[in-house]
Amino acid sequence: MIRFARFLFDEFTNDREAMDCVSHVRRNLNLAASMLYKERFFEPSAFSASFVEINNMFEELRRQFLLKVDQNHLELTAWQKNCVVRKAEKSIDGFELFKQPFGCGLGALVFVK
């Protein structure tokens, strides 16, 4: 983002409006600004390598999570375990786990020990 801001500053040194625009976008549209930065300055080959690495990390986390569920330290019922396993297997990446609601009804997943 700094390189992007510097580019704008160099292009429009006499115009403070461009810098105000960059500041506004960065402050209010953080995710969009990050995407713009990635598209402009991040090499596609480096991004794809990072993407593969991140996916591998989520797959390993999912595998370890499913092992923990299988060990059942929380003493889940078979239905609860099945629901959690389906949710973990259905998620495309780690973020999907938090974006999608449980299809089993959240109230049934209250863990009582």
N, C-alpha and C. Protein backbone atom coordinates (compact mmCIF):
# COMPACT_ATOMS: atom_id res chain seq x y z
N MET A 1 0.83 -1.19 0.00
CA MET A 1 0.00 0.00 0.00
C MET A 1 0.87 1.25 0.00
N ILE A 2 2.01 1.15 0.66
CA ILE A 2 2.91 2.30 0.73
C ILE A 2 3.44 2.64 -0.66
N ARG A 3 3.79 1.60 -1.44
CA ARG A 3 4.27 1.85 -2.80
C ARG A 3 3.17 2.48 -3.65
N PHE A 4 1.94 2.02 -3.46
CA PHE A 4 0.81 2.59 -4.20
C PHE A 4 0.62 4.06 -3.82
N ALA A 5 0.66 4.35 -2.54
CA ALA A 5 0.52 5.73 -2.08
C ALA A 5 1.66 6.60 -2.61
N ARG A 6 2.87 6.04 -2.59
CA ARG A 6 4.03 6.78 -3.09
C ARG A 6 3.88 7.07 -4.59
N PHE A 7 3.38 6.09 -5.34
CA PHE A 7 3.14 6.27 -6.77
C PHE A 7 2.17 7.42 -6.99
N LEU A 8 1.07 7.41 -6.27
CA LEU A 8 0.08 8.48 -6.41
C LEU A 8 0.68 9.83 -6.02
N PHE A 9 1.45 9.82 -4.97
CA PHE A 9 2.07 11.06 -4.51
C PHE A 9 3.02 11.61 -5.57
N ASP A 10 3.83 10.73 -6.16
CA ASP A 10 4.77 11.16 -7.20
C ASP A 10 4.04 11.65 -8.44
N GLU A 11 2.94 11.01 -8.80
CA GLU A 11 2.18 11.40 -9.98
C GLU A 11 1.45 12.72 -9.80
N PHE A 12 1.00 12.96 -8.59
CA PHE A 12 0.15 14.13 -8.33
C PHE A 12 0.70 14.95 -7.18
N THR A 13 1.98 15.30 -7.23
CA THR A 13 2.59 16.02 -6.11
C THR A 13 1.93 17.35 -5.81
N ASN A 14 1.39 18.00 -6.80
CA ASN A 14 0.75 19.29 -6.57
C ASN A 14 -0.69 19.14 -6.09
N ASP A 15 -1.19 17.94 -6.09
CA ASP A 15 -2.60 17.72 -5.79
C ASP A 15 -2.74 16.88 -4.52
N ARG A 16 -3.19 17.48 -3.45
CA ARG A 16 -3.37 16.78 -2.17
C ARG A 16 -4.58 15.84 -2.21
N GLU A 17 -5.46 16.05 -3.18
CA GLU A 17 -6.69 15.26 -3.28
C GLU A 17 -6.41 13.77 -3.45
N ALA A 18 -5.39 13.42 -4.24
CA ALA A 18 -5.06 12.01 -4.46
C ALA A 18 -4.65 11.33 -3.16
N MET A 19 -3.85 12.01 -2.36
CA MET A 19 -3.43 11.43 -1.08
C MET A 19 -4.61 11.28 -0.13
N ASP A 20 -5.52 12.24 -0.16
CA ASP A 20 -6.72 12.13 0.67
C ASP A 20 -7.56 10.93 0.24
N CYS A 21 -7.61 10.70 -1.07
CA CYS A 21 -8.36 9.56 -1.61
C CYS A 21 -7.74 8.25 -1.12
N VAL A 22 -6.42 8.13 -1.20
CA VAL A 22 -5.72 6.93 -0.75
C VAL A 22 -5.97 6.71 0.74
N SER A 23 -5.86 7.76 1.51
CA SER A 23 -6.10 7.65 2.96
C SER A 23 -7.52 7.19 3.25
N HIS A 24 -8.47 7.75 2.53
CA HIS A 24 -9.87 7.39 2.74
C HIS A 24 -10.12 5.93 2.38
N VAL A 25 -9.60 5.49 1.24
CA VAL A 25 -9.79 4.09 0.81
C VAL A 25 -9.15 3.15 1.83
N ARG A 26 -7.94 3.45 2.25
CA ARG A 26 -7.25 2.57 3.20
C ARG A 26 -7.98 2.51 4.54
N ARG A 27 -8.49 3.63 4.99
CA ARG A 27 -9.16 3.70 6.29
C ARG A 27 -10.53 3.02 6.26
N ASN A 28 -11.29 3.23 5.19
CA ASN A 28 -12.68 2.77 5.17
C ASN A 28 -12.91 1.49 4.37
N LEU A 29 -11.99 1.16 3.50
CA LEU A 29 -12.15 -0.04 2.67
C LEU A 29 -10.89 -0.88 2.76
N ASN A 30 -10.57 -1.32 3.95
CA ASN A 30 -9.32 -2.02 4.19
C ASN A 30 -9.15 -3.24 3.29
N LEU A 31 -10.18 -4.09 3.21
CA LEU A 31 -10.08 -5.29 2.39
C LEU A 31 -9.92 -4.94 0.91
N ALA A 32 -10.69 -3.97 0.45
CA ALA A 32 -10.60 -3.55 -0.96
C ALA A 32 -9.22 -2.97 -1.26
N ALA A 33 -8.69 -2.19 -0.34
CA ALA A 33 -7.37 -1.61 -0.55
C ALA A 33 -6.30 -2.71 -0.61
N SER A 34 -6.44 -3.72 0.22
CA SER A 34 -5.49 -4.84 0.17
C SER A 34 -5.58 -5.57 -1.16
N MET A 35 -6.80 -5.74 -1.66
CA MET A 35 -6.99 -6.40 -2.95
C MET A 35 -6.36 -5.57 -4.07
N LEU A 36 -6.57 -4.26 -4.04
CA LEU A 36 -5.96 -3.39 -5.05
C LEU A 36 -4.44 -3.48 -5.01
N TYR A 37 -3.90 -3.49 -3.81
CA TYR A 37 -2.46 -3.60 -3.65
C TYR A 37 -1.96 -4.92 -4.23
N LYS A 38 -2.67 -6.01 -3.90
CA LYS A 38 -2.27 -7.33 -4.39
C LYS A 38 -2.29 -7.37 -5.91
N GLU A 39 -3.35 -6.84 -6.50
CA GLU A 39 -3.47 -6.87 -7.96
C GLU A 39 -2.39 -6.03 -8.63
N ARG A 40 -2.00 -4.95 -8.01
CA ARG A 40 -1.05 -4.03 -8.65
C ARG A 40 0.41 -4.42 -8.42
N PHE A 41 0.74 -4.89 -7.21
CA PHE A 41 2.14 -5.06 -6.85
C PHE A 41 2.56 -6.49 -6.54
N PHE A 42 1.62 -7.38 -6.26
CA PHE A 42 1.97 -8.73 -5.85
C PHE A 42 2.10 -9.62 -7.08
N GLU A 43 3.22 -10.25 -7.26
CA GLU A 43 3.46 -11.11 -8.41
C GLU A 43 2.52 -12.31 -8.40
N PRO A 44 1.84 -12.60 -9.51
CA PRO A 44 0.90 -13.74 -9.54
C PRO A 44 1.56 -15.06 -9.16
N SER A 45 2.80 -15.29 -9.58
CA SER A 45 3.46 -16.55 -9.25
C SER A 45 3.70 -16.66 -7.74
N ALA A 46 4.06 -15.55 -7.11
CA ALA A 46 4.26 -15.56 -5.66
C ALA A 46 2.94 -15.78 -4.95
N PHE A 47 1.87 -15.18 -5.48
CA PHE A 47 0.55 -15.35 -4.87
C PHE A 47 0.09 -16.80 -4.96
N SER A 48 0.27 -17.42 -6.13
CA SER A 48 -0.18 -18.81 -6.27
C SER A 48 0.62 -19.74 -5.37
N ALA A 49 1.90 -19.47 -5.20
CA ALA A 49 2.71 -20.28 -4.28
C ALA A 49 2.21 -20.11 -2.85
N SER A 50 1.89 -18.89 -2.47
CA SER A 50 1.36 -18.65 -1.13
C SER A 50 0.01 -19.31 -0.95
N PHE A 51 -0.81 -19.25 -1.99
CA PHE A 51 -2.15 -19.84 -1.92
C PHE A 51 -2.06 -21.34 -1.70
N VAL A 52 -1.16 -22.01 -2.40
CA VAL A 52 -0.98 -23.46 -2.23
C VAL A 52 -0.50 -23.75 -0.81
N GLU A 53 0.43 -22.96 -0.33
CA GLU A 53 0.95 -23.16 1.02
C GLU A 53 -0.14 -22.96 2.07
N ILE A 54 -0.96 -21.94 1.89
CA ILE A 54 -2.06 -21.68 2.83
C ILE A 54 -3.08 -22.81 2.78
N ASN A 55 -3.41 -23.29 1.58
CA ASN A 55 -4.34 -24.42 1.47
C ASN A 55 -3.80 -25.66 2.15
N ASN A 56 -2.51 -25.93 1.97
CA ASN A 56 -1.90 -27.08 2.63
C ASN A 56 -1.98 -26.95 4.14
N MET A 57 -1.77 -25.74 4.64
CA MET A 57 -1.85 -25.52 6.08
C MET A 57 -3.27 -25.79 6.59
N PHE A 58 -4.29 -25.29 5.86
CA PHE A 58 -5.67 -25.53 6.28
C PHE A 58 -6.03 -27.02 6.22
N GLU A 59 -5.51 -27.72 5.23
CA GLU A 59 -5.77 -29.16 5.13
C GLU A 59 -5.17 -29.90 6.33
N GLU A 60 -3.97 -29.51 6.72
CA GLU A 60 -3.34 -30.13 7.89
C GLU A 60 -4.11 -29.80 9.17
N LEU A 61 -4.54 -28.55 9.29
CA LEU A 61 -5.35 -28.17 10.46
C LEU A 61 -6.66 -28.95 10.49
N ARG A 62 -7.29 -29.11 9.34
CA ARG A 62 -8.54 -29.86 9.27
C ARG A 62 -8.30 -31.32 9.69
N ARG A 63 -7.20 -31.91 9.20
CA ARG A 63 -6.88 -33.30 9.54
C ARG A 63 -6.69 -33.46 11.04
N GLN A 64 -5.93 -32.55 11.64
CA GLN A 64 -5.69 -32.62 13.08
C GLN A 64 -6.97 -32.37 13.87
N PHE A 65 -7.81 -31.45 13.40
CA PHE A 65 -9.08 -31.18 14.06
C PHE A 65 -9.97 -32.42 14.04
N LEU A 66 -10.04 -33.09 12.88
CA LEU A 66 -10.87 -34.29 12.77
C LEU A 66 -10.35 -35.41 13.67
N LEU A 67 -9.03 -35.48 13.84
CA LEU A 67 -8.48 -36.46 14.79
C LEU A 67 -8.93 -36.16 16.22
N LYS A 68 -8.92 -34.88 16.57
CA LYS A 68 -9.38 -34.48 17.92
C LYS A 68 -10.85 -34.81 18.11
N VAL A 69 -11.65 -34.54 17.09
CA VAL A 69 -13.08 -34.86 17.18
C VAL A 69 -13.26 -36.36 17.34
N ASP A 70 -12.46 -37.13 16.61
CA ASP A 70 -12.55 -38.59 16.69
C ASP A 70 -12.17 -39.10 18.08
N GLN A 71 -11.20 -38.44 18.72
CA GLN A 71 -10.82 -38.83 20.09
C GLN A 71 -11.92 -38.51 21.09
N ASN A 72 -12.75 -37.54 20.78
CA ASN A 72 -13.97 -37.21 21.53
C ASN A 72 -13.73 -36.88 23.01
N HIS A 73 -12.79 -35.99 23.26
CA HIS A 73 -12.54 -35.55 24.64
C HIS A 73 -13.72 -34.77 25.21
N LEU A 74 -14.53 -34.19 24.36
CA LEU A 74 -15.70 -33.43 24.83
C LEU A 74 -16.92 -34.32 25.06
N GLU A 75 -16.75 -35.62 24.82
CA GLU A 75 -17.83 -36.58 25.00
C GLU A 75 -19.08 -36.19 24.20
N LEU A 76 -18.87 -35.92 22.93
CA LEU A 76 -19.97 -35.57 22.05
C LEU A 76 -20.81 -36.80 21.75
N THR A 77 -22.08 -36.57 21.49
CA THR A 77 -22.93 -37.67 21.04
C THR A 77 -22.54 -38.00 19.60
N ALA A 78 -22.99 -39.13 19.12
CA ALA A 78 -22.69 -39.52 17.74
C ALA A 78 -23.23 -38.48 16.77
N TRP A 79 -24.41 -37.96 17.06
CA TRP A 79 -25.02 -36.95 16.18
C TRP A 79 -24.19 -35.67 16.16
N GLN A 80 -23.73 -35.22 17.34
CA GLN A 80 -22.92 -34.01 17.42
C GLN A 80 -21.59 -34.19 16.68
N LYS A 81 -20.95 -35.35 16.89
CA LYS A 81 -19.69 -35.62 16.18
C LYS A 81 -19.91 -35.60 14.67
N ASN A 82 -20.97 -36.25 14.23
CA ASN A 82 -21.27 -36.30 12.80
C ASN A 82 -21.48 -34.90 12.23
N CYS A 83 -22.19 -34.07 12.96
CA CYS A 83 -22.45 -32.70 12.52
C CYS A 83 -21.15 -31.90 12.39
N VAL A 84 -20.28 -32.00 13.39
CA VAL A 84 -19.01 -31.28 13.37
C VAL A 84 -18.11 -31.80 12.25
N VAL A 85 -18.07 -33.10 12.06
CA VAL A 85 -17.25 -33.70 11.01
C VAL A 85 -17.74 -33.26 9.63
N ARG A 86 -19.06 -33.29 9.42
CA ARG A 86 -19.60 -32.85 8.13
C ARG A 86 -19.25 -31.40 7.86
N LYS A 87 -19.36 -30.56 8.89
CA LYS A 87 -19.04 -29.14 8.73
C LYS A 87 -17.57 -28.96 8.35
N ALA A 88 -16.68 -29.67 9.03
CA ALA A 88 -15.25 -29.53 8.75
C ALA A 88 -14.90 -30.06 7.37
N GLU A 89 -15.51 -31.15 6.96
CA GLU A 89 -15.21 -31.73 5.65
C GLU A 89 -15.80 -30.90 4.52
N LYS A 90 -16.92 -30.24 4.79
CA LYS A 90 -17.61 -29.46 3.77
C LYS A 90 -16.92 -28.13 3.50
N SER A 91 -16.20 -27.61 4.48
CA SER A 91 -15.60 -26.30 4.29
C SER A 91 -14.49 -26.36 3.25
N ILE A 92 -14.50 -25.37 2.38
CA ILE A 92 -13.55 -25.30 1.28
C ILE A 92 -12.18 -24.88 1.80
N ASP A 93 -12.18 -23.88 2.66
CA ASP A 93 -10.95 -23.43 3.28
C ASP A 93 -11.25 -23.07 4.72
N GLY A 94 -10.25 -22.64 5.44
CA GLY A 94 -10.43 -22.35 6.85
C GLY A 94 -11.44 -21.27 7.13
N PHE A 95 -11.58 -20.32 6.22
CA PHE A 95 -12.51 -19.22 6.45
C PHE A 95 -13.95 -19.67 6.30
N GLU A 96 -14.19 -20.67 5.45
CA GLU A 96 -15.55 -21.17 5.25
C GLU A 96 -16.13 -21.70 6.56
N LEU A 97 -15.27 -22.21 7.40
CA LEU A 97 -15.72 -22.79 8.66
C LEU A 97 -16.48 -21.77 9.50
N PHE A 98 -16.12 -20.50 9.38
CA PHE A 98 -16.75 -19.47 10.19
C PHE A 98 -17.83 -18.70 9.45
N LYS A 99 -17.84 -18.76 8.12
CA LYS A 99 -18.82 -18.01 7.35
C LYS A 99 -20.16 -18.72 7.25
N GLN A 100 -20.15 -20.04 7.16
CA GLN A 100 -21.38 -20.79 6.94
C GLN A 100 -21.99 -21.20 8.28
N PRO A 101 -23.31 -21.14 8.38
CA PRO A 101 -23.94 -21.61 9.61
C PRO A 101 -23.93 -23.14 9.65
N PHE A 102 -24.01 -23.68 10.85
CA PHE A 102 -24.14 -25.12 10.99
C PHE A 102 -25.48 -25.53 10.42
N GLY A 103 -25.52 -26.59 9.66
CA GLY A 103 -26.77 -27.07 9.08
C GLY A 103 -27.55 -27.94 10.05
N CYS A 104 -27.02 -28.18 11.23
CA CYS A 104 -27.64 -29.12 12.16
C CYS A 104 -28.46 -28.43 13.23
N GLY A 105 -28.43 -27.14 13.29
CA GLY A 105 -29.12 -26.42 14.36
C GLY A 105 -28.14 -26.18 15.50
N LEU A 106 -27.81 -24.94 15.74
CA LEU A 106 -26.79 -24.62 16.75
C LEU A 106 -27.17 -25.05 18.15
N GLY A 107 -28.45 -24.99 18.48
CA GLY A 107 -28.87 -25.34 19.83
C GLY A 107 -28.51 -26.75 20.21
N ALA A 108 -28.47 -27.63 19.24
CA ALA A 108 -28.16 -29.02 19.51
C ALA A 108 -26.67 -29.24 19.76
N LEU A 109 -25.85 -28.24 19.47
CA LEU A 109 -24.41 -28.39 19.64
C LEU A 109 -23.91 -27.81 20.96
N VAL A 110 -24.80 -27.55 21.87
CA VAL A 110 -24.38 -27.09 23.20
C VAL A 110 -23.75 -28.27 23.90
N PHE A 111 -22.53 -28.10 24.35
CA PHE A 111 -21.79 -29.20 24.95
C PHE A 111 -21.97 -29.16 26.47
N VAL A 112 -22.51 -30.21 27.00
CA VAL A 112 -22.70 -30.31 28.45
C VAL A 112 -21.81 -31.43 28.93
N LYS A 113 -21.01 -31.12 29.92
CA LYS A 113 -20.11 -32.14 30.43
C LYS A 113 -20.39 -32.42 31.87
